[in-house]
All heavy atoms as atom14 arrays in JSON, in Angstrom:
{
  "sequence": "QVKWFPESEKLKLLHFRYFGLDNLMNKYRVYSRRLSAVNRQNGW",
  "atom14_mask": [
    [1, 1, 1, 1, 1, 1, 1, 1, 1, 0, 0, 0, 0, 0],
    [1, 1, 1, 1, 1, 1, 1, 0, 0, 0, 0, 0, 0, 0],
    [1, 1, 1, 1, 1, 1, 1, 1, 1, 0, 0, 0, 0, 0],
    [1, 1, 1, 1, 1, 1, 1, 1, 1, 1, 1, 1, 1, 1],
    [1, 1, 1, 1, 1, 1, 1, 1, 1, 1, 1, 0, 0, 0],
    [1, 1, 1, 1, 1, 1, 1, 0, 0, 0, 0, 0, 0, 0],
    [1, 1, 1, 1, 1, 1, 1, 1, 1, 0, 0, 0, 0, 0],
    [1, 1, 1, 1, 1, 1, 0, 0, 0, 0, 0, 0, 0, 0],
    [1, 1, 1, 1, 1, 1, 1, 1, 1, 0, 0, 0, 0, 0],
    [1, 1, 1, 1, 1, 1, 1, 1, 1, 0, 0, 0, 0, 0],
    [1, 1, 1, 1, 1, 1, 1, 1, 0, 0, 0, 0, 0, 0],
    [1, 1, 1, 1, 1, 1, 1, 1, 1, 0, 0, 0, 0, 0],
    [1, 1, 1, 1, 1, 1, 1, 1, 0, 0, 0, 0, 0, 0],
    [1, 1, 1, 1, 1, 1, 1, 1, 0, 0, 0, 0, 0, 0],
    [1, 1, 1, 1, 1, 1, 1, 1, 1, 1, 0, 0, 0, 0],
    [1, 1, 1, 1, 1, 1, 1, 1, 1, 1, 1, 0, 0, 0],
    [1, 1, 1, 1, 1, 1, 1, 1, 1, 1, 1, 0, 0, 0],
    [1, 1, 1, 1, 1, 1, 1, 1, 1, 1, 1, 1, 0, 0],
    [1, 1, 1, 1, 1, 1, 1, 1, 1, 1, 1, 0, 0, 0],
    [1, 1, 1, 1, 0, 0, 0, 0, 0, 0, 0, 0, 0, 0],
    [1, 1, 1, 1, 1, 1, 1, 1, 0, 0, 0, 0, 0, 0],
    [1, 1, 1, 1, 1, 1, 1, 1, 0, 0, 0, 0, 0, 0],
    [1, 1, 1, 1, 1, 1, 1, 1, 0, 0, 0, 0, 0, 0],
    [1, 1, 1, 1, 1, 1, 1, 1, 0, 0, 0, 0, 0, 0],
    [1, 1, 1, 1, 1, 1, 1, 1, 0, 0, 0, 0, 0, 0],
    [1, 1, 1, 1, 1, 1, 1, 1, 0, 0, 0, 0, 0, 0],
    [1, 1, 1, 1, 1, 1, 1, 1, 1, 0, 0, 0, 0, 0],
    [1, 1, 1, 1, 1, 1, 1, 1, 1, 1, 1, 1, 0, 0],
    [1, 1, 1, 1, 1, 1, 1, 1, 1, 1, 1, 0, 0, 0],
    [1, 1, 1, 1, 1, 1, 1, 0, 0, 0, 0, 0, 0, 0],
    [1, 1, 1, 1, 1, 1, 1, 1, 1, 1, 1, 1, 0, 0],
    [1, 1, 1, 1, 1, 1, 0, 0, 0, 0, 0, 0, 0, 0],
    [1, 1, 1, 1, 1, 1, 1, 1, 1, 1, 1, 0, 0, 0],
    [1, 1, 1, 1, 1, 1, 1, 1, 1, 1, 1, 0, 0, 0],
    [1, 1, 1, 1, 1, 1, 1, 1, 0, 0, 0, 0, 0, 0],
    [1, 1, 1, 1, 1, 1, 0, 0, 0, 0, 0, 0, 0, 0],
    [1, 1, 1, 1, 1, 0, 0, 0, 0, 0, 0, 0, 0, 0],
    [1, 1, 1, 1, 1, 1, 1, 0, 0, 0, 0, 0, 0, 0],
    [1, 1, 1, 1, 1, 1, 1, 1, 0, 0, 0, 0, 0, 0],
    [1, 1, 1, 1, 1, 1, 1, 1, 1, 1, 1, 0, 0, 0],
    [1, 1, 1, 1, 1, 1, 1, 1, 1, 0, 0, 0, 0, 0],
    [1, 1, 1, 1, 1, 1, 1, 1, 0, 0, 0, 0, 0, 0],
    [1, 1, 1, 1, 0, 0, 0, 0, 0, 0, 0, 0, 0, 0],
    [1, 1, 1, 1, 1, 1, 1, 1, 1, 1, 1, 1, 1, 1]
  ],
  "atom14_positions": [
    [[-17.41, 16.57, -25.39], [-16.41, 16.25, -26.41], [-15.36, 15.33, -25.78], [-14.36, 15.8, -25.23], [-15.78, 17.53, -26.95], [-16.78, 18.45, -27.64], [-16.13, 19.7, -28.2], [-15.05, 19.65, -28.79], [-16.79, 20.84, -28.02], [0.0, 0.0, 0.0], [0.0, 0.0, 0.0], [0.0, 0.0, 0.0], [0.0, 0.0, 0.0], [0.0, 0.0, 0.0]],
    [[-15.61, 14.05, -25.87], [-14.79, 13.06, -25.16], [-13.71, 12.52, -26.08], [-13.99, 11.82, -27.06], [-15.66, 11.9, -24.63], [-14.8, 10.87, -23.9], [-16.77, 12.44, -23.72], [0.0, 0.0, 0.0], [0.0, 0.0, 0.0], [0.0, 0.0, 0.0], [0.0, 0.0, 0.0], [0.0, 0.0, 0.0], [0.0, 0.0, 0.0], [0.0, 0.0, 0.0]],
    [[-12.47, 12.86, -25.8], [-11.33, 12.31, -26.52], [-10.32, 11.81, -25.49], [-9.63, 12.6, -24.84], [-10.69, 13.33, -27.45], [-9.56, 12.71, -28.3], [-8.97, 13.68, -29.31], [-7.89, 12.98, -30.13], [-7.26, 13.89, -31.12], [0.0, 0.0, 0.0], [0.0, 0.0, 0.0], [0.0, 0.0, 0.0], [0.0, 0.0, 0.0], [0.0, 0.0, 0.0]],
    [[-10.25, 10.5, -25.36], [-9.45, 9.89, -24.3], [-7.95, 9.96, -24.58], [-7.5, 9.67, -25.69], [-9.83, 8.42, -24.12], [-11.21, 8.21, -23.59], [-12.35, 7.98, -24.3], [-11.59, 8.21, -22.2], [-13.42, 7.84, -23.45], [-13.0, 7.98, -22.16], [-10.9, 8.38, -21.01], [-13.71, 7.91, -20.96], [-11.6, 8.32, -19.81], [-12.98, 8.08, -19.8]],
    [[-7.21, 10.33, -23.55], [-5.76, 10.15, -23.58], [-5.5, 8.64, -23.6], [-6.11, 7.9, -22.83], [-5.14, 10.77, -22.33], [-3.65, 10.7, -22.27], [-2.87, 11.61, -22.95], [-3.01, 9.71, -21.54], [-1.48, 11.56, -22.9], [-1.63, 9.65, -21.47], [-0.87, 10.57, -22.16], [0.0, 0.0, 0.0], [0.0, 0.0, 0.0], [0.0, 0.0, 0.0]],
    [[-4.62, 8.16, -24.47], [-4.42, 6.7, -24.58], [-3.86, 6.12, -23.28], [-3.14, 6.79, -22.54], [-3.42, 6.57, -25.72], [-2.73, 7.9, -25.78], [-3.75, 8.91, -25.39], [0.0, 0.0, 0.0], [0.0, 0.0, 0.0], [0.0, 0.0, 0.0], [0.0, 0.0, 0.0], [0.0, 0.0, 0.0], [0.0, 0.0, 0.0], [0.0, 0.0, 0.0]],
    [[-4.22, 4.88, -23.02], [-3.72, 4.2, -21.83], [-2.19, 4.25, -21.82], [-1.54, 3.99, -22.82], [-4.18, 2.74, -21.81], [-5.67, 2.58, -21.59], [-6.08, 1.13, -21.44], [-5.19, 0.3, -21.2], [-7.28, 0.85, -21.56], [0.0, 0.0, 0.0], [0.0, 0.0, 0.0], [0.0, 0.0, 0.0], [0.0, 0.0, 0.0], [0.0, 0.0, 0.0]],
    [[-1.66, 4.59, -20.66], [-0.21, 4.74, -20.58], [0.25, 4.52, -19.14], [-0.3, 5.1, -18.21], [0.21, 6.14, -21.04], [1.56, 6.39, -20.73], [0.0, 0.0, 0.0], [0.0, 0.0, 0.0], [0.0, 0.0, 0.0], [0.0, 0.0, 0.0], [0.0, 0.0, 0.0], [0.0, 0.0, 0.0], [0.0, 0.0, 0.0], [0.0, 0.0, 0.0]],
    [[1.24, 3.69, -18.98], [1.81, 3.47, -17.66], [2.61, 4.68, -17.19], [2.97, 4.78, -16.02], [2.71, 2.22, -17.67], [1.96, 0.91, -17.82], [1.17, 0.56, -16.57], [1.68, 0.76, -15.46], [0.02, 0.09, -16.7], [0.0, 0.0, 0.0], [0.0, 0.0, 0.0], [0.0, 0.0, 0.0], [0.0, 0.0, 0.0], [0.0, 0.0, 0.0]],
    [[2.87, 5.62, -18.1], [3.63, 6.81, -17.71], [2.79, 7.79, -16.9], [3.33, 8.56, -16.12], [4.19, 7.5, -18.96], [5.25, 6.69, -19.69], [5.8, 7.45, -20.88], [6.88, 6.65, -21.6], [7.43, 7.4, -22.76], [0.0, 0.0, 0.0], [0.0, 0.0, 0.0], [0.0, 0.0, 0.0], [0.0, 0.0, 0.0], [0.0, 0.0, 0.0]],
    [[1.48, 7.78, -17.11], [0.57, 8.61, -16.32], [0.0, 7.73, -15.23], [-0.78, 6.8, -15.5], [-0.54, 9.2, -17.18], [-1.5, 10.15, -16.45], [-0.76, 11.4, -15.97], [-2.65, 10.55, -17.37], [0.0, 0.0, 0.0], [0.0, 0.0, 0.0], [0.0, 0.0, 0.0], [0.0, 0.0, 0.0], [0.0, 0.0, 0.0], [0.0, 0.0, 0.0]],
    [[0.4, 8.0, -13.99], [0.07, 7.11, -12.89], [-0.79, 7.82, -11.84], [-0.68, 9.04, -11.65], [1.35, 6.61, -12.19], [2.37, 5.95, -13.11], [3.62, 5.56, -12.33], [4.76, 5.14, -13.24], [4.5, 3.89, -13.94], [0.0, 0.0, 0.0], [0.0, 0.0, 0.0], [0.0, 0.0, 0.0], [0.0, 0.0, 0.0], [0.0, 0.0, 0.0]],
    [[-1.62, 7.04, -11.16], [-2.36, 7.52, -10.0], [-1.85, 6.72, -8.81], [-2.16, 5.54, -8.65], [-3.86, 7.34, -10.18], [-4.73, 7.89, -9.03], [-4.46, 9.37, -8.8], [-6.21, 7.65, -9.31], [0.0, 0.0, 0.0], [0.0, 0.0, 0.0], [0.0, 0.0, 0.0], [0.0, 0.0, 0.0], [0.0, 0.0, 0.0], [0.0, 0.0, 0.0]],
    [[-1.06, 7.38, -7.99], [-0.43, 6.73, -6.83], [-1.31, 6.92, -5.61], [-1.57, 8.05, -5.2], [0.96, 7.32, -6.58], [1.89, 7.41, -7.8], [3.21, 8.05, -7.4], [2.11, 6.04, -8.44], [0.0, 0.0, 0.0], [0.0, 0.0, 0.0], [0.0, 0.0, 0.0], [0.0, 0.0, 0.0], [0.0, 0.0, 0.0], [0.0, 0.0, 0.0]],
    [[-1.74, 5.81, -5.02], [-2.64, 5.84, -3.88], [-1.82, 5.52, -2.62], [-1.39, 4.39, -2.43], [-3.73, 4.78, -4.08], [-4.94, 5.0, -3.25], [-6.04, 4.18, -3.33], [-5.24, 5.92, -2.31], [-6.96, 4.6, -2.47], [-6.49, 5.65, -1.85], [0.0, 0.0, 0.0], [0.0, 0.0, 0.0], [0.0, 0.0, 0.0], [0.0, 0.0, 0.0]],
    [[-1.61, 6.53, -1.78], [-0.78, 6.38, -0.59], [-1.65, 6.22, 0.65], [-2.17, 7.19, 1.2], [0.14, 7.59, -0.41], [1.27, 7.66, -1.4], [1.15, 8.41, -2.56], [2.44, 6.95, -1.18], [2.19, 8.48, -3.47], [3.49, 7.02, -2.08], [3.37, 7.78, -3.24], [0.0, 0.0, 0.0], [0.0, 0.0, 0.0], [0.0, 0.0, 0.0]],
    [[-1.83, 4.97, 1.08], [-2.64, 4.7, 2.27], [-2.13, 3.55, 3.11], [-2.6, 3.33, 4.22], [-4.08, 4.41, 1.87], [-4.24, 3.25, 0.89], [-5.68, 2.98, 0.56], [-5.8, 1.96, -0.47], [-6.93, 1.36, -0.79], [-8.04, 1.67, -0.14], [-6.98, 0.46, -1.76], [0.0, 0.0, 0.0], [0.0, 0.0, 0.0], [0.0, 0.0, 0.0]],
    [[-1.15, 2.79, 2.6], [-0.65, 1.62, 3.32], [0.73, 1.92, 3.89], [1.74, 1.87, 3.18], [-0.61, 0.41, 2.38], [-1.98, -0.07, 1.96], [-2.3, -0.23, 0.61], [-2.96, -0.36, 2.91], [-3.56, -0.68, 0.23], [-4.22, -0.8, 2.54], [-4.51, -0.95, 1.2], [-5.76, -1.4, 0.82], [0.0, 0.0, 0.0], [0.0, 0.0, 0.0]],
    [[0.76, 2.23, 5.18], [2.02, 2.58, 5.87], [2.24, 1.65, 7.07], [2.43, 2.12, 8.19], [1.98, 4.03, 6.34], [1.67, 5.03, 5.27], [0.5, 5.77, 5.31], [2.54, 5.24, 4.22], [0.21, 6.7, 4.33], [2.26, 6.17, 3.23], [1.09, 6.9, 3.28], [0.0, 0.0, 0.0], [0.0, 0.0, 0.0], [0.0, 0.0, 0.0]],
    [[2.17, 0.36, 6.85], [2.34, -0.59, 7.95], [1.01, -1.15, 8.42], [-0.04, -0.52, 8.27], [0.0, 0.0, 0.0], [0.0, 0.0, 0.0], [0.0, 0.0, 0.0], [0.0, 0.0, 0.0], [0.0, 0.0, 0.0], [0.0, 0.0, 0.0], [0.0, 0.0, 0.0], [0.0, 0.0, 0.0], [0.0, 0.0, 0.0], [0.0, 0.0, 0.0]],
    [[1.06, -2.33, 9.01], [-0.16, -3.01, 9.43], [-0.92, -2.24, 10.5], [-2.14, -2.13, 10.44], [0.17, -4.42, 9.93], [-1.02, -5.25, 10.45], [-2.07, -5.42, 9.37], [-0.53, -6.61, 10.95], [0.0, 0.0, 0.0], [0.0, 0.0, 0.0], [0.0, 0.0, 0.0], [0.0, 0.0, 0.0], [0.0, 0.0, 0.0], [0.0, 0.0, 0.0]],
    [[-0.22, -1.7, 11.49], [-0.9, -0.98, 12.56], [-1.67, 0.22, 12.01], [-2.81, 0.5, 12.41], [0.09, -0.51, 13.62], [0.63, -1.67, 14.45], [0.03, -2.76, 14.41], [1.66, -1.48, 15.13], [0.0, 0.0, 0.0], [0.0, 0.0, 0.0], [0.0, 0.0, 0.0], [0.0, 0.0, 0.0], [0.0, 0.0, 0.0], [0.0, 0.0, 0.0]],
    [[-1.05, 0.96, 11.09], [-1.7, 2.11, 10.5], [-2.92, 1.69, 9.68], [-3.98, 2.34, 9.74], [-0.71, 2.87, 9.6], [-1.31, 4.11, 8.99], [-1.48, 5.13, 9.64], [-1.64, 4.03, 7.71], [0.0, 0.0, 0.0], [0.0, 0.0, 0.0], [0.0, 0.0, 0.0], [0.0, 0.0, 0.0], [0.0, 0.0, 0.0], [0.0, 0.0, 0.0]],
    [[-2.78, 0.6, 8.93], [-3.9, 0.08, 8.14], [-5.08, -0.27, 9.04], [-6.22, 0.13, 8.78], [-3.44, -1.15, 7.35], [-4.45, -1.85, 6.43], [-3.7, -2.57, 5.3], [-5.3, -2.87, 7.18], [0.0, 0.0, 0.0], [0.0, 0.0, 0.0], [0.0, 0.0, 0.0], [0.0, 0.0, 0.0], [0.0, 0.0, 0.0], [0.0, 0.0, 0.0]],
    [[-4.81, -1.0, 10.12], [-5.88, -1.45, 11.0], [-6.55, -0.28, 11.71], [-7.78, -0.26, 11.89], [-5.34, -2.46, 12.01], [-4.82, -3.73, 11.35], [-4.2, -4.97, 12.53], [-5.75, -5.72, 13.05], [0.0, 0.0, 0.0], [0.0, 0.0, 0.0], [0.0, 0.0, 0.0], [0.0, 0.0, 0.0], [0.0, 0.0, 0.0], [0.0, 0.0, 0.0]],
    [[-5.77, 0.73, 12.07], [-6.35, 1.9, 12.72], [-7.25, 2.66, 11.76], [-8.37, 3.08, 12.13], [-5.24, 2.81, 13.24], [-5.8, 4.04, 13.93], [-6.47, 3.95, 14.96], [-5.53, 5.2, 13.38], [0.0, 0.0, 0.0], [0.0, 0.0, 0.0], [0.0, 0.0, 0.0], [0.0, 0.0, 0.0], [0.0, 0.0, 0.0], [0.0, 0.0, 0.0]],
    [[-6.81, 2.84, 10.52], [-7.62, 3.55, 9.53], [-8.91, 2.8, 9.25], [-10.0, 3.41, 9.19], [-6.83, 3.75, 8.24], [-7.62, 4.52, 7.18], [-6.76, 4.91, 5.99], [-7.56, 5.76, 5.0], [-6.72, 6.25, 3.9], [0.0, 0.0, 0.0], [0.0, 0.0, 0.0], [0.0, 0.0, 0.0], [0.0, 0.0, 0.0], [0.0, 0.0, 0.0]],
    [[-8.83, 1.49, 9.08], [-10.02, 0.7, 8.81], [-11.0, 0.78, 9.98], [-12.22, 0.83, 9.79], [-9.65, -0.75, 8.53], [-9.21, -1.0, 7.1], [-8.6, 0.0, 6.34], [-9.39, -2.25, 6.5], [-8.19, -0.24, 5.04], [-8.99, -2.49, 5.2], [-8.39, -1.48, 4.48], [-7.99, -1.7, 3.19], [0.0, 0.0, 0.0], [0.0, 0.0, 0.0]],
    [[-10.48, 0.79, 11.18], [-11.34, 0.87, 12.37], [-12.1, 2.19, 12.4], [-13.3, 2.23, 12.65], [-10.49, 0.7, 13.63], [-11.26, 0.68, 14.93], [-10.41, 0.14, 16.07], [-9.13, 0.83, 16.17], [-7.95, 0.27, 15.88], [-7.89, -0.98, 15.45], [-6.83, 0.96, 16.01], [0.0, 0.0, 0.0], [0.0, 0.0, 0.0], [0.0, 0.0, 0.0]],
    [[-11.41, 3.29, 12.11], [-12.03, 4.61, 12.12], [-13.1, 4.7, 11.03], [-14.22, 5.16, 11.28], [-10.97, 5.71, 11.92], [-11.63, 7.06, 11.68], [-10.05, 5.78, 13.14], [0.0, 0.0, 0.0], [0.0, 0.0, 0.0], [0.0, 0.0, 0.0], [0.0, 0.0, 0.0], [0.0, 0.0, 0.0], [0.0, 0.0, 0.0], [0.0, 0.0, 0.0]],
    [[-12.75, 4.26, 9.82], [-13.71, 4.37, 8.71], [-14.87, 3.41, 8.86], [-16.0, 3.72, 8.43], [-12.98, 4.18, 7.38], [-12.34, 5.44, 6.89], [-11.16, 5.92, 7.46], [-12.9, 6.19, 5.87], [-10.57, 7.09, 7.03], [-12.32, 7.36, 5.43], [-11.16, 7.81, 6.01], [-10.59, 8.98, 5.59], [0.0, 0.0, 0.0], [0.0, 0.0, 0.0]],
    [[-14.64, 2.25, 9.45], [-15.74, 1.31, 9.68], [-16.79, 1.93, 10.58], [-18.0, 1.79, 10.36], [-15.21, 0.01, 10.29], [-16.28, -0.86, 10.59], [0.0, 0.0, 0.0], [0.0, 0.0, 0.0], [0.0, 0.0, 0.0], [0.0, 0.0, 0.0], [0.0, 0.0, 0.0], [0.0, 0.0, 0.0], [0.0, 0.0, 0.0], [0.0, 0.0, 0.0]],
    [[-16.34, 2.65, 11.61], [-17.28, 3.28, 12.54], [-18.08, 4.38, 11.85], [-19.2, 4.69, 12.27], [-16.53, 3.87, 13.75], [-15.96, 2.85, 14.7], [-15.64, 3.48, 16.05], [-14.62, 4.5, 15.96], [-13.33, 4.3, 16.21], [-12.9, 3.09, 16.57], [-12.46, 5.29, 16.1], [0.0, 0.0, 0.0], [0.0, 0.0, 0.0], [0.0, 0.0, 0.0]],
    [[-17.52, 5.0, 10.8], [-18.18, 6.13, 10.15], [-19.01, 5.73, 8.93], [-19.69, 6.58, 8.34], [-17.16, 7.18, 9.71], [-16.38, 7.81, 10.85], [-15.53, 8.99, 10.35], [-16.34, 10.14, 10.01], [-16.38, 10.72, 8.81], [-15.64, 10.22, 7.82], [-17.13, 11.79, 8.58], [0.0, 0.0, 0.0], [0.0, 0.0, 0.0], [0.0, 0.0, 0.0]],
    [[-18.99, 4.48, 8.51], [-19.73, 4.08, 7.32], [-21.22, 4.34, 7.5], [-21.83, 3.92, 8.48], [-19.5, 2.6, 7.01], [-18.21, 2.21, 6.28], [-18.17, 0.71, 6.05], [-18.07, 2.96, 4.96], [0.0, 0.0, 0.0], [0.0, 0.0, 0.0], [0.0, 0.0, 0.0], [0.0, 0.0, 0.0], [0.0, 0.0, 0.0], [0.0, 0.0, 0.0]],
    [[-21.81, 5.01, 6.53], [-23.24, 5.32, 6.59], [-24.07, 4.09, 6.26], [-23.58, 3.1, 5.7], [-23.56, 6.44, 5.59], [-23.34, 5.98, 4.27], [0.0, 0.0, 0.0], [0.0, 0.0, 0.0], [0.0, 0.0, 0.0], [0.0, 0.0, 0.0], [0.0, 0.0, 0.0], [0.0, 0.0, 0.0], [0.0, 0.0, 0.0], [0.0, 0.0, 0.0]],
    [[-25.37, 4.18, 6.58], [-26.3, 3.09, 6.26], [-26.35, 2.85, 4.75], [-26.39, 1.7, 4.3], [-27.68, 3.41, 6.81], [0.0, 0.0, 0.0], [0.0, 0.0, 0.0], [0.0, 0.0, 0.0], [0.0, 0.0, 0.0], [0.0, 0.0, 0.0], [0.0, 0.0, 0.0], [0.0, 0.0, 0.0], [0.0, 0.0, 0.0], [0.0, 0.0, 0.0]],
    [[-26.32, 3.93, 3.97], [-26.39, 3.76, 2.52], [-25.14, 3.08, 1.98], [-25.21, 2.28, 1.03], [-26.63, 5.13, 1.82], [-25.41, 6.05, 1.94], [-27.0, 4.93, 0.35], [0.0, 0.0, 0.0], [0.0, 0.0, 0.0], [0.0, 0.0, 0.0], [0.0, 0.0, 0.0], [0.0, 0.0, 0.0], [0.0, 0.0, 0.0], [0.0, 0.0, 0.0]],
    [[-23.99, 3.35, 2.58], [-22.77, 2.65, 2.18], [-22.88, 1.16, 2.47], [-22.53, 0.32, 1.63], [-21.55, 3.24, 2.9], [-20.91, 4.37, 2.14], [-21.52, 5.42, 1.97], [-19.7, 4.17, 1.67], [0.0, 0.0, 0.0], [0.0, 0.0, 0.0], [0.0, 0.0, 0.0], [0.0, 0.0, 0.0], [0.0, 0.0, 0.0], [0.0, 0.0, 0.0]],
    [[-23.35, 0.83, 3.65], [-23.47, -0.59, 4.03], [-24.5, -1.29, 3.15], [-24.28, -2.44, 2.74], [-23.85, -0.7, 5.5], [-22.75, -0.2, 6.44], [-23.02, -0.57, 7.89], [-22.0, -0.03, 8.77], [-20.79, -0.56, 8.92], [-20.47, -1.66, 8.27], [-19.91, -0.01, 9.75], [0.0, 0.0, 0.0], [0.0, 0.0, 0.0], [0.0, 0.0, 0.0]],
    [[-25.6, -0.64, 2.84], [-26.62, -1.25, 2.0], [-26.11, -1.56, 0.61], [-26.52, -2.54, -0.01], [-27.84, -0.31, 1.92], [-28.64, -0.2, 3.21], [-29.59, 0.98, 3.19], [-29.74, 1.67, 2.18], [-30.25, 1.23, 4.33], [0.0, 0.0, 0.0], [0.0, 0.0, 0.0], [0.0, 0.0, 0.0], [0.0, 0.0, 0.0], [0.0, 0.0, 0.0]],
    [[-25.21, -0.72, 0.11], [-24.69, -0.89, -1.24], [-23.34, -1.57, -1.3], [-22.8, -1.79, -2.4], [-24.59, 0.48, -1.92], [-25.95, 1.06, -2.28], [-26.55, 0.68, -3.28], [-26.44, 1.97, -1.45], [0.0, 0.0, 0.0], [0.0, 0.0, 0.0], [0.0, 0.0, 0.0], [0.0, 0.0, 0.0], [0.0, 0.0, 0.0], [0.0, 0.0, 0.0]],
    [[-22.77, -1.9, -0.16], [-21.46, -2.55, -0.14], [-20.32, -1.62, -0.48], [-19.24, -2.07, -0.86], [0.0, 0.0, 0.0], [0.0, 0.0, 0.0], [0.0, 0.0, 0.0], [0.0, 0.0, 0.0], [0.0, 0.0, 0.0], [0.0, 0.0, 0.0], [0.0, 0.0, 0.0], [0.0, 0.0, 0.0], [0.0, 0.0, 0.0], [0.0, 0.0, 0.0]],
    [[-20.57, -0.3, -0.34], [-19.52, 0.68, -0.61], [-18.62, 0.82, 0.61], [-19.09, 1.12, 1.7], [-20.13, 2.04, -0.94], [-21.02, 2.04, -2.14], [-20.99, 1.17, -3.2], [-22.1, 2.94, -2.41], [-21.96, 1.48, -4.1], [-22.66, 2.56, -3.65], [-22.63, 4.04, -1.72], [-23.73, 3.24, -4.21], [-23.69, 4.71, -2.28], [-24.24, 4.32, -3.51]]
  ]
}
């Protein structure tokens, strides 16, 4: 029973992951090392 809540800027999804360049680069380095073969094959 799909009844969508109307689009609204009042309901937000805040994504907290960018805390400076050094933190960004460190996180990307860690996750790059952990990416699975299936992720790489699909560009995920």
